[in-house]
C-alpha atoms as a PDB file:
ATOM      1  CA  SER A   1     -16.488 -18.755   4.493  1.00  0.00           C
ATOM      2  CA  ALA A   2     -14.095 -16.317   2.694  1.00  0.00           C
ATOM      3  CA  PRO A   3     -10.352 -16.140   3.031  1.00  0.00           C
ATOM      4  CA  PRO A   4      -8.784 -13.567   4.971  1.00  0.00           C
ATOM      5  CA  THR A   5      -8.160 -10.324   3.025  1.00  0.00           C
ATOM      6  CA  THR A   6      -4.930  -8.392   3.508  1.00  0.00           C
ATOM      7  CA  GLN A   7      -5.146  -5.214   5.064  1.00  0.00           C
ATOM      8  CA  THR A   8      -3.834  -2.167   3.131  1.00  0.00           C
ATOM      9  CA  THR A   9      -2.477   0.603   5.495  1.00  0.00           C
ATOM     10  CA  ASP A  10      -1.609   3.926   5.390  1.00  0.00           C
ATOM     11  CA  THR A  11       1.457   3.903   7.504  1.00  0.00           C
ATOM     12  CA  PRO A  12       4.914   3.184   5.865  1.00  0.00           C
ATOM     13  CA  PRO A  13       6.642  -0.097   6.878  1.00  0.00           C
ATOM     14  CA  PRO A  14       8.221  -0.195  10.507  1.00  0.00           C
ATOM     15  CA  SER A  15      11.718  -0.271   8.994  1.00  0.00           C
ATOM     16  CA  TRP A  16      13.574   1.511   6.631  1.00  0.00           C
ATOM     17  CA  GLN A  17      14.819  -1.287   4.427  1.00  0.00           C
ATOM     18  CA  PRO A  18      16.409  -0.078   0.951  1.00  0.00           C
ATOM     19  CA  LEU A  19      15.303  -2.303  -2.076  1.00  0.00           C
ATOM     20  CA  ALA A  20      17.745  -4.449  -3.431  1.00  0.00           C
ATOM     21  CA  ASN A  21      19.793  -2.924  -6.562  1.00  0.00           C
ATOM     22  CA  HIS A  22      18.969   0.715  -5.654  1.00  0.00           C
ATOM     23  CA  GLY A  23      20.911   1.334  -2.640  1.00  0.00           C
ATOM     24  CA  GLU A  24      19.925   3.745  -0.297  1.00  0.00           C
ATOM     25  CA  ALA A  25      17.881   6.044  -2.657  1.00  0.00           C
ATOM     26  CA  GLY A  26      15.871   2.726  -3.444  1.00  0.00           C
ATOM     27  CA  LYS A  27      12.494   3.351  -1.122  1.00  0.00           C
ATOM     28  CA  TYR A  28       9.243   2.927  -3.016  1.00  0.00           C
ATOM     29  CA  CYS A  29       5.421   3.098  -2.423  1.00  0.00           C
ATOM     30  CA  CYS A  30       3.987   0.499  -4.665  1.00  0.00           C
ATOM     31  CA  LEU A  31       0.503   1.488  -4.048  1.00  0.00           C
ATOM     32  CA  CYS A  32       1.261   5.058  -5.170  1.00  0.00           C
ATOM     33  CA  GLY A  33       4.497   4.344  -7.456  1.00  0.00           C
ATOM     34  CA  ALA A  34       6.462   6.878  -5.591  1.00  0.00           C
ATOM     35  CA  TRP A  35      10.074   6.960  -4.972  1.00  0.00           C
ATOM     36  CA  PHE A  36      11.624   8.660  -1.983  1.00  0.00           C
ATOM     37  CA  ASN A  37      15.438   9.858  -1.493  1.00  0.00           C
ATOM     38  CA  ASN A  38      14.977   9.950   2.855  1.00  0.00           C
ATOM     39  CA  PRO A  39      12.958   9.144   5.211  1.00  0.00           C
ATOM     40  CA  LEU A  40      11.512  12.272   5.802  1.00  0.00           C
ATOM     41  CA  MET A  41       9.974  12.381   1.920  1.00  0.00           C
ATOM     42  CA  ALA A  42       8.377   8.751   2.969  1.00  0.00           C
ATOM     43  CA  GLN A  43       6.561   9.793   5.851  1.00  0.00           C
ATOM     44  CA  GLN A  44       5.607  13.002   4.125  1.00  0.00           C
ATOM     45  CA  HIS A  45       4.065  10.553   1.437  1.00  0.00           C
ATOM     46  CA  TYR A  46       2.310   8.442   3.590  1.00  0.00           C
ATOM     47  CA  GLU A  47       0.912  11.015   5.609  1.00  0.00           C
ATOM     48  CA  GLY A  48      -0.378  12.782   2.272  1.00  0.00           C
ATOM     49  CA  LYS A  49      -3.904  12.909   0.369  1.00  0.00           C
ATOM     50  CA  LYS A  50      -2.582  11.090  -2.571  1.00  0.00           C
ATOM     51  CA  HIS A  51      -1.417   7.916  -0.254  1.00  0.00           C
ATOM     52  CA  LYS A  52      -4.386   8.139   1.558  1.00  0.00           C
ATOM     53  CA  ARG A  53      -6.514   8.000  -1.256  1.00  0.00           C
ATOM     54  CA  ASN A  54      -4.893   5.297  -3.188  1.00  0.00           C
ATOM     55  CA  ALA A  55      -4.681   3.291   0.253  1.00  0.00           C
ATOM     56  CA  ALA A  56      -8.884   3.762   0.277  1.00  0.00           C
ATOM     57  CA  ARG A  57      -8.971   3.055  -3.202  1.00  0.00           C
ATOM     58  CA  ALA A  58      -7.163  -0.290  -2.606  1.00  0.00           C
ATOM     59  CA  ARG A  59      -9.242  -1.086   0.586  1.00  0.00           C
ATOM     60  CA  LEU A  60     -12.542  -0.793  -1.485  1.00  0.00           C
ATOM     61  CA  LEU A  61     -11.003  -2.684  -4.375  1.00  0.00           C
ATOM     62  CA  GLU A  62     -10.445  -6.018  -2.005  1.00  0.00           C
ATOM     63  CA  GLN A  63     -14.015  -5.670  -0.587  1.00  0.00           C
ATOM     64  CA  LEU A  64     -15.326  -5.474  -3.923  1.00  0.00           C
ATOM     65  CA  ALA A  65     -13.168  -8.285  -5.029  1.00  0.00           C
ATOM     66  CA  GLY A  66     -14.396 -10.385  -1.852  1.00  0.00           C
ATOM     67  CA  SER A  67     -17.939  -9.850  -1.970  1.00  0.00           C
ATOM     68  CA  LEU A  68     -17.764 -10.795  -5.808  1.00  0.00           C
ATOM     69  CA  ASP A  69     -15.556 -13.752  -4.978  1.00  0.00           C
ATOM     70  CA  ALA A  70     -18.633 -15.092  -2.603  1.00  0.00           C
ATOM     71  CA  ASN A  71     -21.323 -14.299  -4.669  1.00  0.00           C
ATOM     72  CA  GLU A  72     -19.558 -16.617  -7.408  1.00  0.00           C
ATOM     73  CA  SER A  73     -19.069 -19.220  -4.958  1.00  0.00           C
ATOM     74  CA  THR A  74     -22.782 -19.565  -3.812  1.00  0.00           C
END
């Protein structure tokens, strides 16, 4: 059987945590490569078209990779 895949989500992490070495301004969406100065900017990004498109693309790539892995193991 295929290993469980991690789900890419369209919503931000539940807590607003600063990244190490960046202080309060160090908020980052690794999916889109976007930095945020405050929680409102982050919320607007995560609800926006660019992030949703990138999240959908990441999910599709995960599905394709999973199907390729399944085909190679048979």
